[in-house]
Amino acid sequence: MFAEVSWKQAVLDRVLVMVNERGRTDFTVEELHRRYGRELGRLFPRNHHVRAKVRQILQFLRDDGLLVALQTGCYALDLGSPHVHTDAPIGLPAGRELPPVVRLRTTARLRDTVLGLAVKALYQHRCQACGETVPLTRSDYVESHHLRPLGNPHNGPDTPGNVIVLCPNHHTMFDRGAAGIEPEGLRLVHARPGLTLPRSRLELAPGHELALAHLRYHYTRIFRPAGNAAP
């Protein structure tokens, strides 16, 4: 399930850089390989067929709804994808009848890591704590949550053993320390006495194993039962 995640993330990161630098969503396989082939080869030294691998990964990203195939060997970042976010351009202030012409463009970035997208797909976009999703116009919506957060001071990894899928309500509870998972039995608990979560135990799909160290980190460092002071 997660075998191609690192390759996908590496290739998509470089597609985003190239698209944003050029101000265009389209690119060719040859352009991508010419610019990043050696770099990808150093990242994945066991693969001796980088060009063919890049072609394969671009097809995977197309199937994931992140890219659009324009013609043979040519793709474009799909700005209409729910997984891609574009920052709105900043306009010029009013005040002159003939203001200078300035080219404005958006900046495209991924709403989630590729691993987060893969874990969401594994659970069919349903929360592991309640089984619910947020139905949107063309898709269902959930959020990925890192048990040990990625940023400082936690510096958690972006690995399958550190990621779960939650609806927005339960994601907020886990982020704020109101909900937790007992590391050994995966029992779901709430910080307030008397309150429970919809499921008594976190759902785990076949092939998805959570790292005990990250479960313990969230339970001891982030989960805040009522009356417990922050460490």
C-alpha atoms as a PDB file:
ATOM      1  CA  MET A   1       0.000   0.000   0.000  1.00  0.00           C
ATOM      2  CA  PHE A   2       2.747   2.435   0.948  1.00  0.00           C
ATOM      3  CA  ALA A   3       5.601   1.109  -1.224  1.00  0.00           C
ATOM      4  CA  GLU A   4       5.617   4.050  -3.656  1.00  0.00           C
ATOM      5  CA  VAL A   5       4.879   6.828  -1.165  1.00  0.00           C
ATOM      6  CA  SER A   6       8.449   8.143  -0.929  1.00  0.00           C
ATOM      7  CA  TRP A   7       8.880   8.170  -4.704  1.00  0.00           C
ATOM      8  CA  LYS A   8       5.504   9.860  -5.156  1.00  0.00           C
ATOM      9  CA  GLN A   9       6.316  12.548  -2.599  1.00  0.00           C
ATOM     10  CA  ALA A  10       9.759  13.183  -4.077  1.00  0.00           C
ATOM     11  CA  VAL A  11       8.475  13.498  -7.651  1.00  0.00           C
ATOM     12  CA  LEU A  12       5.433  15.587  -6.726  1.00  0.00           C
ATOM     13  CA  ASP A  13       7.541  17.955  -4.605  1.00  0.00           C
ATOM     14  CA  ARG A  14       9.700  18.646  -7.650  1.00  0.00           C
ATOM     15  CA  VAL A  15       6.691  19.051  -9.932  1.00  0.00           C
ATOM     16  CA  LEU A  16       5.328  21.697  -7.553  1.00  0.00           C
ATOM     17  CA  VAL A  17       8.648  23.563  -7.472  1.00  0.00           C
ATOM     18  CA  MET A  18       8.892  23.562 -11.257  1.00  0.00           C
ATOM     19  CA  VAL A  19       5.265  24.630 -11.777  1.00  0.00           C
ATOM     20  CA  ASN A  20       5.536  27.473  -9.265  1.00  0.00           C
ATOM     21  CA  GLU A  21       8.844  28.741 -10.645  1.00  0.00           C
ATOM     22  CA  ARG A  22       7.577  28.762 -14.216  1.00  0.00           C
ATOM     23  CA  GLY A  23       4.062  30.007 -13.513  1.00  0.00           C
ATOM     24  CA  ARG A  24       2.657  27.242 -15.737  1.00  0.00           C
ATOM     25  CA  THR A  25       0.985  23.992 -14.757  1.00  0.00           C
ATOM     26  CA  ASP A  26       2.187  21.930 -17.736  1.00  0.00           C
ATOM     27  CA  PHE A  27       5.506  20.108 -18.040  1.00  0.00           C
ATOM     28  CA  THR A  28       7.019  17.159 -19.868  1.00  0.00           C
ATOM     29  CA  VAL A  29       8.575  14.001 -18.510  1.00  0.00           C
ATOM     30  CA  GLU A  30      11.824  14.939 -20.239  1.00  0.00           C
ATOM     31  CA  GLU A  31      11.901  18.371 -18.575  1.00  0.00           C
ATOM     32  CA  LEU A  32      11.356  16.807 -15.167  1.00  0.00           C
ATOM     33  CA  HIS A  33      14.015  14.153 -15.697  1.00  0.00           C
ATOM     34  CA  ARG A  34      16.525  16.603 -17.162  1.00  0.00           C
ATOM     35  CA  ARG A  35      16.204  18.882 -14.144  1.00  0.00           C
ATOM     36  CA  TYR A  36      15.852  16.346 -11.321  1.00  0.00           C
ATOM     37  CA  GLY A  37      16.972  12.965 -12.667  1.00  0.00           C
ATOM     38  CA  ARG A  38      20.382  12.991 -10.988  1.00  0.00           C
ATOM     39  CA  GLU A  39      18.932  14.288  -7.744  1.00  0.00           C
ATOM     40  CA  LEU A  40      16.294  11.535  -7.674  1.00  0.00           C
ATOM     41  CA  GLY A  41      19.000   9.011  -8.500  1.00  0.00           C
ATOM     42  CA  ARG A  42      20.936  10.108  -5.421  1.00  0.00           C
ATOM     43  CA  LEU A  43      17.782   9.906  -3.267  1.00  0.00           C
ATOM     44  CA  PHE A  44      17.011   6.373  -4.471  1.00  0.00           C
ATOM     45  CA  PRO A  45      20.406   4.834  -5.289  1.00  0.00           C
ATOM     46  CA  ARG A  46      19.045   1.302  -5.614  1.00  0.00           C
ATOM     47  CA  ASN A  47      16.976   2.259  -8.644  1.00  0.00           C
ATOM     48  CA  HIS A  48      19.078   2.332 -11.814  1.00  0.00           C
ATOM     49  CA  HIS A  49      16.240   3.241 -14.176  1.00  0.00           C
ATOM     50  CA  VAL A  50      15.243   6.673 -12.923  1.00  0.00           C
ATOM     51  CA  ARG A  51      13.665   7.904 -16.162  1.00  0.00           C
ATOM     52  CA  ALA A  52      11.342   4.880 -16.372  1.00  0.00           C
ATOM     53  CA  LYS A  53      10.509   5.198 -12.669  1.00  0.00           C
ATOM     54  CA  VAL A  54       9.605   8.869 -13.051  1.00  0.00           C
ATOM     55  CA  ARG A  55       7.261   7.982 -15.909  1.00  0.00           C
ATOM     56  CA  GLN A  56       5.605   5.335 -13.743  1.00  0.00           C
ATOM     57  CA  ILE A  57       5.212   7.661 -10.755  1.00  0.00           C
ATOM     58  CA  LEU A  58       3.671  10.385 -12.919  1.00  0.00           C
ATOM     59  CA  GLN A  59       1.081   7.844 -14.054  1.00  0.00           C
ATOM     60  CA  PHE A  60       0.369   6.999 -10.412  1.00  0.00           C
ATOM     61  CA  LEU A  61      -0.041  10.693  -9.578  1.00  0.00           C
ATOM     62  CA  ARG A  62      -2.415  11.015 -12.519  1.00  0.00           C
ATOM     63  CA  ASP A  63      -4.451   8.091 -11.186  1.00  0.00           C
ATOM     64  CA  ASP A  64      -4.497   9.773  -7.759  1.00  0.00           C
ATOM     65  CA  GLY A  65      -6.123  12.850  -9.305  1.00  0.00           C
ATOM     66  CA  LEU A  66      -3.136  15.167  -8.826  1.00  0.00           C
ATOM     67  CA  LEU A  67      -2.033  15.393 -12.463  1.00  0.00           C
ATOM     68  CA  VAL A  68      -3.759  15.497 -15.835  1.00  0.00           C
ATOM     69  CA  ALA A  69      -2.257  13.736 -18.863  1.00  0.00           C
ATOM     70  CA  LEU A  70      -2.257  16.192 -21.786  1.00  0.00           C
ATOM     71  CA  GLN A  71      -0.550  14.084 -24.419  1.00  0.00           C
ATOM     72  CA  THR A  72       2.190  11.490 -24.611  1.00  0.00           C
ATOM     73  CA  GLY A  73       4.959  12.514 -22.229  1.00  0.00           C
ATOM     74  CA  CYS A  74       3.205  15.718 -21.134  1.00  0.00           C
ATOM     75  CA  TYR A  75       1.301  16.359 -17.919  1.00  0.00           C
ATOM     76  CA  ALA A  76      -0.209  19.267 -15.995  1.00  0.00           C
ATOM     77  CA  LEU A  77      -0.832  19.822 -12.299  1.00  0.00           C
ATOM     78  CA  ASP A  78      -4.596  19.602 -11.745  1.00  0.00           C
ATOM     79  CA  LEU A  79      -5.479  22.860  -9.988  1.00  0.00           C
ATOM     80  CA  GLY A  80      -9.065  21.607  -9.713  1.00  0.00           C
ATOM     81  CA  SER A  81      -8.020  18.668  -7.549  1.00  0.00           C
ATOM     82  CA  PRO A  82      -9.285  18.826  -3.938  1.00  0.00           C
ATOM     83  CA  HIS A  83      -5.764  17.825  -2.896  1.00  0.00           C
ATOM     84  CA  VAL A  84      -4.119  20.883  -4.480  1.00  0.00           C
ATOM     85  CA  HIS A  85      -4.347  24.315  -2.887  1.00  0.00           C
ATOM     86  CA  THR A  86      -3.578  27.591  -4.668  1.00  0.00           C
ATOM     87  CA  ASP A  87      -2.812  30.760  -2.763  1.00  0.00           C
ATOM     88  CA  ALA A  88      -4.796  33.705  -4.098  1.00  0.00           C
ATOM     89  CA  PRO A  89      -2.638  36.325  -5.845  1.00  0.00           C
ATOM     90  CA  ILE A  90      -2.303  39.731  -4.231  1.00  0.00           C
ATOM     91  CA  GLY A  91      -3.772  42.513  -6.349  1.00  0.00           C
ATOM     92  CA  LEU A  92      -2.465  46.039  -6.820  1.00  0.00           C
ATOM     93  CA  PRO A  93      -3.917  48.868  -4.731  1.00  0.00           C
ATOM     94  CA  ALA A  94      -6.138  51.383  -6.534  1.00  0.00           C
ATOM     95  CA  GLY A  95      -5.005  54.962  -7.019  1.00  0.00           C
ATOM     96  CA  ARG A  96      -3.670  55.500 -10.545  1.00  0.00           C
ATOM     97  CA  GLU A  97      -5.558  55.713 -13.810  1.00  0.00           C
ATOM     98  CA  LEU A  98      -2.839  53.857 -15.679  1.00  0.00           C
ATOM     99  CA  PRO A  99      -1.241  51.448 -13.219  1.00  0.00           C
ATOM    100  CA  PRO A 100       1.662  49.358 -14.428  1.00  0.00           C
ATOM    101  CA  VAL A 101       0.831  45.959 -15.867  1.00  0.00           C
ATOM    102  CA  VAL A 102       1.918  43.265 -13.433  1.00  0.00           C
ATOM    103  CA  ARG A 103       1.617  39.559 -14.053  1.00  0.00           C
ATOM    104  CA  LEU A 104      -0.078  37.907 -11.099  1.00  0.00           C
ATOM    105  CA  ARG A 105      -0.001  34.194 -10.518  1.00  0.00           C
ATOM    106  CA  THR A 106      -1.025  31.795  -7.817  1.00  0.00           C
ATOM    107  CA  THR A 107       1.253  29.482  -5.875  1.00  0.00           C
ATOM    108  CA  ALA A 108       0.239  25.832  -5.919  1.00  0.00           C
ATOM    109  CA  ARG A 109       0.945  23.527  -3.012  1.00  0.00           C
ATOM    110  CA  LEU A 110      -0.266  20.177  -1.757  1.00  0.00           C
ATOM    111  CA  ARG A 111      -2.891  20.241   1.006  1.00  0.00           C
ATOM    112  CA  ASP A 112      -1.499  17.018   2.438  1.00  0.00           C
ATOM    113  CA  THR A 113       1.522  14.766   2.110  1.00  0.00           C
ATOM    114  CA  VAL A 114       1.263  11.952  -0.403  1.00  0.00           C
ATOM    115  CA  LEU A 115       1.380   9.535   2.530  1.00  0.00           C
ATOM    116  CA  GLY A 116      -1.638  11.276   4.053  1.00  0.00           C
ATOM    117  CA  LEU A 117      -3.521  10.852   0.780  1.00  0.00           C
ATOM    118  CA  ALA A 118      -2.614   7.158   0.674  1.00  0.00           C
ATOM    119  CA  VAL A 119      -3.815   6.538   4.235  1.00  0.00           C
ATOM    120  CA  LYS A 120      -7.069   8.393   3.523  1.00  0.00           C
ATOM    121  CA  ALA A 121      -7.667   6.154   0.511  1.00  0.00           C
ATOM    122  CA  LEU A 122      -6.954   3.065   2.616  1.00  0.00           C
ATOM    123  CA  TYR A 123      -9.816   4.023   4.968  1.00  0.00           C
ATOM    124  CA  GLN A 124     -12.072   5.157   2.107  1.00  0.00           C
ATOM    125  CA  HIS A 125     -12.023   8.702   3.525  1.00  0.00           C
ATOM    126  CA  ARG A 126     -13.673   7.681   6.791  1.00  0.00           C
ATOM    127  CA  CYS A 127     -12.601   8.607  10.315  1.00  0.00           C
ATOM    128  CA  GLN A 128     -10.861   5.859  12.275  1.00  0.00           C
ATOM    129  CA  ALA A 129     -12.467   7.139  15.485  1.00  0.00           C
ATOM    130  CA  CYS A 130     -16.106   7.319  14.341  1.00  0.00           C
ATOM    131  CA  GLY A 131     -16.405   5.909  10.821  1.00  0.00           C
ATOM    132  CA  GLU A 132     -17.884   9.147   9.454  1.00  0.00           C
ATOM    133  CA  THR A 133     -16.801  11.392   6.581  1.00  0.00           C
ATOM    134  CA  VAL A 134     -17.652  14.908   5.401  1.00  0.00           C
ATOM    135  CA  PRO A 135     -19.517  14.591   2.076  1.00  0.00           C
ATOM    136  CA  LEU A 136     -18.544  17.353  -0.338  1.00  0.00           C
ATOM    137  CA  THR A 137     -19.850  18.042  -3.835  1.00  0.00           C
ATOM    138  CA  ARG A 138     -17.622  15.580  -5.682  1.00  0.00           C
ATOM    139  CA  SER A 139     -15.751  13.769  -2.946  1.00  0.00           C
ATOM    140  CA  ASP A 140     -15.646  12.827   0.723  1.00  0.00           C
ATOM    141  CA  TYR A 141     -13.407  14.690   3.147  1.00  0.00           C
ATOM    142  CA  VAL A 142     -11.287  13.604   6.101  1.00  0.00           C
ATOM    143  CA  GLU A 143      -7.970  14.795   7.499  1.00  0.00           C
ATOM    144  CA  SER A 144      -4.703  13.026   8.251  1.00  0.00           C
ATOM    145  CA  HIS A 145      -3.257  13.376  11.737  1.00  0.00           C
ATOM    146  CA  HIS A 146       0.303  12.751  12.888  1.00  0.00           C
ATOM    147  CA  LEU A 147       0.373  11.221  16.359  1.00  0.00           C
ATOM    148  CA  ARG A 148       3.761  12.797  16.925  1.00  0.00           C
ATOM    149  CA  PRO A 149       3.454  16.168  15.137  1.00  0.00           C
ATOM    150  CA  LEU A 150       5.846  16.968  12.303  1.00  0.00           C
ATOM    151  CA  GLY A 151       6.944  20.428  13.434  1.00  0.00           C
ATOM    152  CA  ASN A 152       9.079  21.673  16.309  1.00  0.00           C
ATOM    153  CA  PRO A 153       9.421  20.751  19.108  1.00  0.00           C
ATOM    154  CA  HIS A 154       8.022  17.287  18.351  1.00  0.00           C
ATOM    155  CA  ASN A 155       9.803  16.559  15.034  1.00  0.00           C
ATOM    156  CA  GLY A 156       7.741  13.476  14.239  1.00  0.00           C
ATOM    157  CA  PRO A 157       8.236  11.477  11.032  1.00  0.00           C
ATOM    158  CA  ASP A 158       5.919  11.361   8.037  1.00  0.00           C
ATOM    159  CA  THR A 159       5.637   7.563   8.101  1.00  0.00           C
ATOM    160  CA  PRO A 160       2.632   5.187   8.073  1.00  0.00           C
ATOM    161  CA  GLY A 161       3.198   4.278  11.724  1.00  0.00           C
ATOM    162  CA  ASN A 162       2.674   7.913  12.726  1.00  0.00           C
ATOM    163  CA  VAL A 163      -0.442   8.742  10.679  1.00  0.00           C
ATOM    164  CA  ILE A 164      -4.138   8.182  11.332  1.00  0.00           C
ATOM    165  CA  VAL A 165      -7.239   9.477   9.526  1.00  0.00           C
ATOM    166  CA  LEU A 166      -9.807  11.577  11.374  1.00  0.00           C
ATOM    167  CA  CYS A 167     -12.865  13.699  10.664  1.00  0.00           C
ATOM    168  CA  PRO A 168     -12.395  17.433  11.424  1.00  0.00           C
ATOM    169  CA  ASN A 169     -14.087  17.175  14.845  1.00  0.00           C
ATOM    170  CA  HIS A 170     -11.952  14.310  16.081  1.00  0.00           C
ATOM    171  CA  HIS A 171      -8.853  15.783  14.473  1.00  0.00           C
ATOM    172  CA  THR A 172      -9.347  18.896  16.605  1.00  0.00           C
ATOM    173  CA  MET A 173      -9.793  16.752  19.717  1.00  0.00           C
ATOM    174  CA  PHE A 174      -6.570  14.854  19.052  1.00  0.00           C
ATOM    175  CA  ASP A 175      -4.631  18.029  18.202  1.00  0.00           C
ATOM    176  CA  ARG A 176      -5.820  19.777  21.380  1.00  0.00           C
ATOM    177  CA  GLY A 177      -5.179  16.771  23.619  1.00  0.00           C
ATOM    178  CA  ALA A 178      -8.854  16.129  24.364  1.00  0.00           C
ATOM    179  CA  ALA A 179      -8.814  12.670  22.772  1.00  0.00           C
ATOM    180  CA  GLY A 180      -6.214   9.956  22.995  1.00  0.00           C
ATOM    181  CA  ILE A 181      -5.403   6.339  22.215  1.00  0.00           C
ATOM    182  CA  GLU A 182      -4.237   3.947  24.899  1.00  0.00           C
ATOM    183  CA  PRO A 183      -1.027   2.639  23.305  1.00  0.00           C
ATOM    184  CA  GLU A 184      -1.261  -1.042  24.164  1.00  0.00           C
ATOM    185  CA  GLY A 185      -4.925  -1.757  23.412  1.00  0.00           C
ATOM    186  CA  LEU A 186      -5.783   1.144  21.043  1.00  0.00           C
ATOM    187  CA  ARG A 187      -8.727   2.044  23.269  1.00  0.00           C
ATOM    188  CA  LEU A 188     -10.098   5.523  22.518  1.00  0.00           C
ATOM    189  CA  VAL A 189     -10.430   7.827  25.501  1.00  0.00           C
ATOM    190  CA  HIS A 190     -11.631  11.370  26.143  1.00  0.00           C
ATOM    191  CA  ALA A 191      -9.969  13.793  28.531  1.00  0.00           C
ATOM    192  CA  ARG A 192     -13.226  14.734  30.263  1.00  0.00           C
ATOM    193  CA  PRO A 193     -14.532  12.215  32.774  1.00  0.00           C
ATOM    194  CA  GLY A 194     -17.726  10.601  31.561  1.00  0.00           C
ATOM    195  CA  LEU A 195     -17.232  11.478  27.887  1.00  0.00           C
ATOM    196  CA  THR A 196     -16.507   8.809  25.289  1.00  0.00           C
ATOM    197  CA  LEU A 197     -15.764   8.638  21.587  1.00  0.00           C
ATOM    198  CA  PRO A 198     -18.166   6.943  19.146  1.00  0.00           C
ATOM    199  CA  ARG A 199     -15.898   3.906  18.865  1.00  0.00           C
ATOM    200  CA  SER A 200     -14.352   2.210  21.859  1.00  0.00           C
ATOM    201  CA  ARG A 201     -11.237   1.222  19.876  1.00  0.00           C
ATOM    202  CA  LEU A 202      -9.397   2.820  16.964  1.00  0.00           C
ATOM    203  CA  GLU A 203     -10.099   1.058  13.682  1.00  0.00           C
ATOM    204  CA  LEU A 204      -6.987  -0.280  11.949  1.00  0.00           C
ATOM    205  CA  ALA A 205      -7.066  -1.524   8.359  1.00  0.00           C
ATOM    206  CA  PRO A 206      -4.992  -4.542   7.279  1.00  0.00           C
ATOM    207  CA  GLY A 207      -1.497  -3.451   6.349  1.00  0.00           C
ATOM    208  CA  HIS A 208      -1.534  -0.336   8.538  1.00  0.00           C
ATOM    209  CA  GLU A 209       0.437  -0.696  11.756  1.00  0.00           C
ATOM    210  CA  LEU A 210       0.954   2.190  14.162  1.00  0.00           C
ATOM    211  CA  ALA A 211       4.312   2.545  15.870  1.00  0.00           C
ATOM    212  CA  LEU A 212       4.064   2.003  19.614  1.00  0.00           C
ATOM    213  CA  ALA A 213       6.562   4.829  20.223  1.00  0.00           C
ATOM    214  CA  HIS A 214       4.335   7.373  18.460  1.00  0.00           C
ATOM    215  CA  LEU A 215       1.192   6.112  20.201  1.00  0.00           C
ATOM    216  CA  ARG A 216       2.963   6.517  23.540  1.00  0.00           C
ATOM    217  CA  TYR A 217       4.248   9.962  22.556  1.00  0.00           C
ATOM    218  CA  HIS A 218       0.753  11.263  21.817  1.00  0.00           C
ATOM    219  CA  TYR A 219      -0.728   9.613  24.911  1.00  0.00           C
ATOM    220  CA  THR A 220       1.912  10.916  27.339  1.00  0.00           C
ATOM    221  CA  ARG A 221       2.915  14.235  25.755  1.00  0.00           C
ATOM    222  CA  ILE A 222      -0.193  15.569  23.990  1.00  0.00           C
ATOM    223  CA  PHE A 223      -3.255  13.876  25.499  1.00  0.00           C
ATOM    224  CA  ARG A 224      -4.420  15.944  28.495  1.00  0.00           C
ATOM    225  CA  PRO A 225      -6.800  14.152  30.864  1.00  0.00           C
ATOM    226  CA  ALA A 226      -8.731  16.590  33.039  1.00  0.00           C
ATOM    227  CA  GLY A 227      -6.660  17.639  36.032  1.00  0.00           C
ATOM    228  CA  ASN A 228      -3.313  16.669  34.485  1.00  0.00           C
ATOM    229  CA  ALA A 229      -0.829  19.490  34.043  1.00  0.00           C
ATOM    230  CA  ALA A 230       1.110  19.791  30.816  1.00  0.00           C
ATOM    231  CA  PRO A 231       4.617  18.292  31.087  1.00  0.00           C
END
